[in-house]
Amino acid sequence: MYRIIGSDGNEYGPVGADLVRQWVREGRALASTLARTEESTEWRVLGSFQEFATLFAPPLLMPGGAPAPASPPTRTTSVFSILGLTMGLLSVTAGLCCYGLPFNLLGLAFSIIGLTQTGRPTSQHSGRSLAVCGLLLCGLSLILSLAIYLWLNAPFNFHVVPPRIRRL
């Protein structure tokens, strides 16, 4: 149990070590705050207690005395970009038997969402090239699907074609 002299000059305690740690995290107690244990009569700064020393550890310094740079935030690949590329690949390969549906429509939606997630410079997501590839593959699938649909449903009998078009 500890007793602490607050910044207002009042004595607080006895309090447990967990509450002291909470006060340090909240900024209510500093390394220079005077404290003593219940068994002791000597007031010491809070940073000199072994159980609280790690709470007041100095920041890591570079050899020149400058603070160490913070590690850059990690970027993750956008799930929507991956899904857009996967749906694009499925729509061009396995999906052509049914005109690429629903793979090309889902791929377009996922790729567009992936592009918006990765488009900002401060974005935490990477994978813009995956989204662009997915968008291109889904667009190609739509064009191929339209071409296949028109080819399969085109009139191949000459007697069905109007005479003006036959002369061309």
Foldseek 3Di string as FASTA:
>chain_A
DKWWQWPVRDIDDPDDPVVVLVCVVVVRADQQTWMDDPVDPDTDGNCVDPVCVVSHDDADADPVRHGDDDDDQAAEADPLLVLLLVLLVCQQPVVVVVLSPPSLVSSLVSLVVSCVQCVDPPHSHDRNVSSVNSNVSSVVSNVVSVVVVCVVPPDPDPVVDDPVVVVD
